[in-house]
Amino acid sequence: MNDKLERVFAYRFGDIYANYLAKVERKGKTRAELDDVLGWLTGHSADGLHAAAESGQNLREFFASAPRLTPHAELITGVVCGVRVEEVADPLMQKIRWMDKVVDELARGKKIESIKRSPR
């Protein structure tokens, strides 16, 4: 396994969540909206997200404990940090990039209904 990927997988979800929350709040969005899009992606309730953030879980553990990944995750496309999310080869890294992408869209003001993709 790539050492760089393993370092990313070891990041604490709580730290990532705090960064996401600060980002969306700077853009006028709320914790409830963040929890809504993260819950849609992972199947976690708001309480489940907060418990995971407080538990010290790393990203690998967070996604392993996710109740259910949305069946529409494959519809998440685009670029985050210069990386096209639909082309990420590692399955866990792709889930992390999907999470980055939906939070980025929320922060940019995209409507939650659009973020929560559904097949046409």
C-alpha atoms as a PDB file:
ATOM      1  CA  MET A   1       0.000   0.000   0.000  1.00  0.00           C
ATOM      2  CA  ASN A   2       1.138   3.480  -0.830  1.00  0.00           C
ATOM      3  CA  ASP A   3       2.515   5.271   2.272  1.00  0.00           C
ATOM      4  CA  LYS A   4       0.887   8.547   1.204  1.00  0.00           C
ATOM      5  CA  LEU A   5      -2.539   6.879   1.012  1.00  0.00           C
ATOM      6  CA  GLU A   6      -2.031   5.221   4.391  1.00  0.00           C
ATOM      7  CA  ARG A   7      -1.231   8.620   5.921  1.00  0.00           C
ATOM      8  CA  VAL A   8      -4.481  10.034   4.524  1.00  0.00           C
ATOM      9  CA  PHE A   9      -6.482   7.018   5.741  1.00  0.00           C
ATOM     10  CA  ALA A  10      -5.038   7.564   9.231  1.00  0.00           C
ATOM     11  CA  TYR A  11      -6.333  11.158   9.497  1.00  0.00           C
ATOM     12  CA  ARG A  12      -8.831  11.501  12.314  1.00  0.00           C
ATOM     13  CA  PHE A  13     -12.381  11.950  11.069  1.00  0.00           C
ATOM     14  CA  GLY A  14     -12.993  14.445  13.892  1.00  0.00           C
ATOM     15  CA  ASP A  15     -10.260  16.717  12.552  1.00  0.00           C
ATOM     16  CA  ILE A  16     -11.614  16.481   9.010  1.00  0.00           C
ATOM     17  CA  TYR A  17     -15.171  17.111  10.249  1.00  0.00           C
ATOM     18  CA  ALA A  18     -14.007  20.217  12.168  1.00  0.00           C
ATOM     19  CA  ASN A  19     -12.308  21.525   9.026  1.00  0.00           C
ATOM     20  CA  TYR A  20     -15.431  20.853   6.955  1.00  0.00           C
ATOM     21  CA  LEU A  21     -17.608  22.607   9.538  1.00  0.00           C
ATOM     22  CA  ALA A  22     -15.354  25.681   9.606  1.00  0.00           C
ATOM     23  CA  LYS A  23     -15.347  25.781   5.793  1.00  0.00           C
ATOM     24  CA  VAL A  24     -19.122  25.617   5.376  1.00  0.00           C
ATOM     25  CA  GLU A  25     -19.809  28.028   8.244  1.00  0.00           C
ATOM     26  CA  ARG A  26     -17.447  30.583   6.656  1.00  0.00           C
ATOM     27  CA  LYS A  27     -19.672  30.347   3.595  1.00  0.00           C
ATOM     28  CA  GLY A  28     -22.902  30.846   5.571  1.00  0.00           C
ATOM     29  CA  LYS A  29     -23.944  27.196   5.783  1.00  0.00           C
ATOM     30  CA  THR A  30     -24.856  25.301   8.950  1.00  0.00           C
ATOM     31  CA  ARG A  31     -23.770  22.180  10.810  1.00  0.00           C
ATOM     32  CA  ALA A  32     -27.204  20.712  10.038  1.00  0.00           C
ATOM     33  CA  GLU A  33     -26.602  21.176   6.308  1.00  0.00           C
ATOM     34  CA  LEU A  34     -23.146  19.602   6.594  1.00  0.00           C
ATOM     35  CA  ASP A  35     -24.601  16.673   8.542  1.00  0.00           C
ATOM     36  CA  ASP A  36     -27.337  16.334   5.931  1.00  0.00           C
ATOM     37  CA  VAL A  37     -24.944  15.880   2.991  1.00  0.00           C
ATOM     38  CA  LEU A  38     -22.491  13.709   4.943  1.00  0.00           C
ATOM     39  CA  GLY A  39     -25.385  11.609   6.208  1.00  0.00           C
ATOM     40  CA  TRP A  40     -26.702  11.200   2.674  1.00  0.00           C
ATOM     41  CA  LEU A  41     -23.282   9.991   1.529  1.00  0.00           C
ATOM     42  CA  THR A  42     -22.486   7.648   4.436  1.00  0.00           C
ATOM     43  CA  GLY A  43     -25.791   6.689   6.006  1.00  0.00           C
ATOM     44  CA  HIS A  44     -24.695   8.138   9.360  1.00  0.00           C
ATOM     45  CA  SER A  45     -27.263  10.100  11.347  1.00  0.00           C
ATOM     46  CA  ALA A  46     -26.235  13.516  12.662  1.00  0.00           C
ATOM     47  CA  ASP A  47     -25.660  11.905  16.068  1.00  0.00           C
ATOM     48  CA  GLY A  48     -23.628   9.153  14.397  1.00  0.00           C
ATOM     49  CA  LEU A  49     -21.452  11.710  12.627  1.00  0.00           C
ATOM     50  CA  HIS A  50     -20.851  13.610  15.863  1.00  0.00           C
ATOM     51  CA  ALA A  51     -20.068  10.391  17.758  1.00  0.00           C
ATOM     52  CA  ALA A  52     -17.614   9.343  15.027  1.00  0.00           C
ATOM     53  CA  ALA A  53     -15.978  12.783  15.154  1.00  0.00           C
ATOM     54  CA  GLU A  54     -15.583  12.555  18.938  1.00  0.00           C
ATOM     55  CA  SER A  55     -14.457   8.917  18.965  1.00  0.00           C
ATOM     56  CA  GLY A  56     -11.015   9.404  17.475  1.00  0.00           C
ATOM     57  CA  GLN A  57     -11.848   7.176  14.485  1.00  0.00           C
ATOM     58  CA  ASN A  58      -9.605   7.583  11.491  1.00  0.00           C
ATOM     59  CA  LEU A  59     -11.009   7.847   7.974  1.00  0.00           C
ATOM     60  CA  ARG A  60     -10.572   4.112   7.329  1.00  0.00           C
ATOM     61  CA  GLU A  61     -12.579   3.289  10.474  1.00  0.00           C
ATOM     62  CA  PHE A  62     -15.160   5.980   9.736  1.00  0.00           C
ATOM     63  CA  PHE A  63     -16.002   4.573   6.315  1.00  0.00           C
ATOM     64  CA  ALA A  64     -15.828   0.979   7.585  1.00  0.00           C
ATOM     65  CA  SER A  65     -18.459   1.892  10.195  1.00  0.00           C
ATOM     66  CA  ALA A  66     -20.694   3.785   7.751  1.00  0.00           C
ATOM     67  CA  PRO A  67     -24.190   2.276   7.855  1.00  0.00           C
ATOM     68  CA  ARG A  68     -24.533   2.406   4.065  1.00  0.00           C
ATOM     69  CA  LEU A  69     -22.881   4.372   1.321  1.00  0.00           C
ATOM     70  CA  THR A  70     -25.491   6.025  -0.877  1.00  0.00           C
ATOM     71  CA  PRO A  71     -26.153   4.005  -4.016  1.00  0.00           C
ATOM     72  CA  HIS A  72     -25.842   7.290  -5.928  1.00  0.00           C
ATOM     73  CA  ALA A  73     -22.199   7.930  -4.945  1.00  0.00           C
ATOM     74  CA  GLU A  74     -21.056   6.928  -8.441  1.00  0.00           C
ATOM     75  CA  LEU A  75     -22.897  10.011  -9.723  1.00  0.00           C
ATOM     76  CA  ILE A  76     -20.491  12.283  -7.818  1.00  0.00           C
ATOM     77  CA  THR A  77     -18.109  13.627 -10.440  1.00  0.00           C
ATOM     78  CA  GLY A  78     -15.788  16.558 -10.830  1.00  0.00           C
ATOM     79  CA  VAL A  79     -12.467  17.815  -9.565  1.00  0.00           C
ATOM     80  CA  VAL A  80     -11.340  18.260  -5.962  1.00  0.00           C
ATOM     81  CA  CYS A  81      -7.794  19.422  -5.210  1.00  0.00           C
ATOM     82  CA  GLY A  82      -6.876  18.864  -8.844  1.00  0.00           C
ATOM     83  CA  VAL A  83      -8.076  15.252  -8.798  1.00  0.00           C
ATOM     84  CA  ARG A  84     -11.016  13.987 -10.864  1.00  0.00           C
ATOM     85  CA  VAL A  85     -13.029  12.028  -8.272  1.00  0.00           C
ATOM     86  CA  GLU A  86     -14.468   9.531 -10.735  1.00  0.00           C
ATOM     87  CA  GLU A  87     -10.949   8.482 -11.753  1.00  0.00           C
ATOM     88  CA  VAL A  88      -9.590   7.727  -8.259  1.00  0.00           C
ATOM     89  CA  ALA A  89      -8.445   4.093  -8.322  1.00  0.00           C
ATOM     90  CA  ASP A  90      -8.350   3.270  -4.600  1.00  0.00           C
ATOM     91  CA  PRO A  91     -11.907   2.605  -3.310  1.00  0.00           C
ATOM     92  CA  LEU A  92     -11.357   4.200   0.104  1.00  0.00           C
ATOM     93  CA  MET A  93      -9.619   7.247  -1.362  1.00  0.00           C
ATOM     94  CA  GLN A  94     -12.525   7.620  -3.788  1.00  0.00           C
ATOM     95  CA  LYS A  95     -14.985   7.675  -0.862  1.00  0.00           C
ATOM     96  CA  ILE A  96     -12.863  10.355   0.812  1.00  0.00           C
ATOM     97  CA  ARG A  97     -12.799  12.404  -2.404  1.00  0.00           C
ATOM     98  CA  TRP A  98     -16.571  11.997  -2.783  1.00  0.00           C
ATOM     99  CA  MET A  99     -16.912  13.368   0.745  1.00  0.00           C
ATOM    100  CA  ASP A 100     -14.592  16.286  -0.098  1.00  0.00           C
ATOM    101  CA  LYS A 101     -16.599  16.985  -3.257  1.00  0.00           C
ATOM    102  CA  VAL A 102     -20.037  17.129  -1.619  1.00  0.00           C
ATOM    103  CA  VAL A 103     -18.709  19.377   1.164  1.00  0.00           C
ATOM    104  CA  ASP A 104     -17.058  21.612  -1.435  1.00  0.00           C
ATOM    105  CA  GLU A 105     -20.356  21.861  -3.329  1.00  0.00           C
ATOM    106  CA  LEU A 106     -22.211  22.746  -0.119  1.00  0.00           C
ATOM    107  CA  ALA A 107     -19.663  25.456   0.690  1.00  0.00           C
ATOM    108  CA  ARG A 108     -19.983  26.854  -2.837  1.00  0.00           C
ATOM    109  CA  GLY A 109     -23.738  27.229  -2.370  1.00  0.00           C
ATOM    110  CA  LYS A 110     -25.006  24.350  -4.482  1.00  0.00           C
ATOM    111  CA  LYS A 111     -28.523  23.312  -3.483  1.00  0.00           C
ATOM    112  CA  ILE A 112     -28.646  20.288  -1.205  1.00  0.00           C
ATOM    113  CA  GLU A 113     -31.111  18.571  -3.540  1.00  0.00           C
ATOM    114  CA  SER A 114     -28.508  18.842  -6.318  1.00  0.00           C
ATOM    115  CA  ILE A 115     -25.710  17.625  -4.078  1.00  0.00           C
ATOM    116  CA  LYS A 116     -27.803  14.563  -3.224  1.00  0.00           C
ATOM    117  CA  ARG A 117     -27.659  13.231  -6.733  1.00  0.00           C
ATOM    118  CA  SER A 118     -30.341  10.962  -8.014  1.00  0.00           C
ATOM    119  CA  PRO A 119     -30.390   9.181 -11.341  1.00  0.00           C
ATOM    120  CA  ARG A 120     -32.200  10.996 -14.082  1.00  0.00           C
END
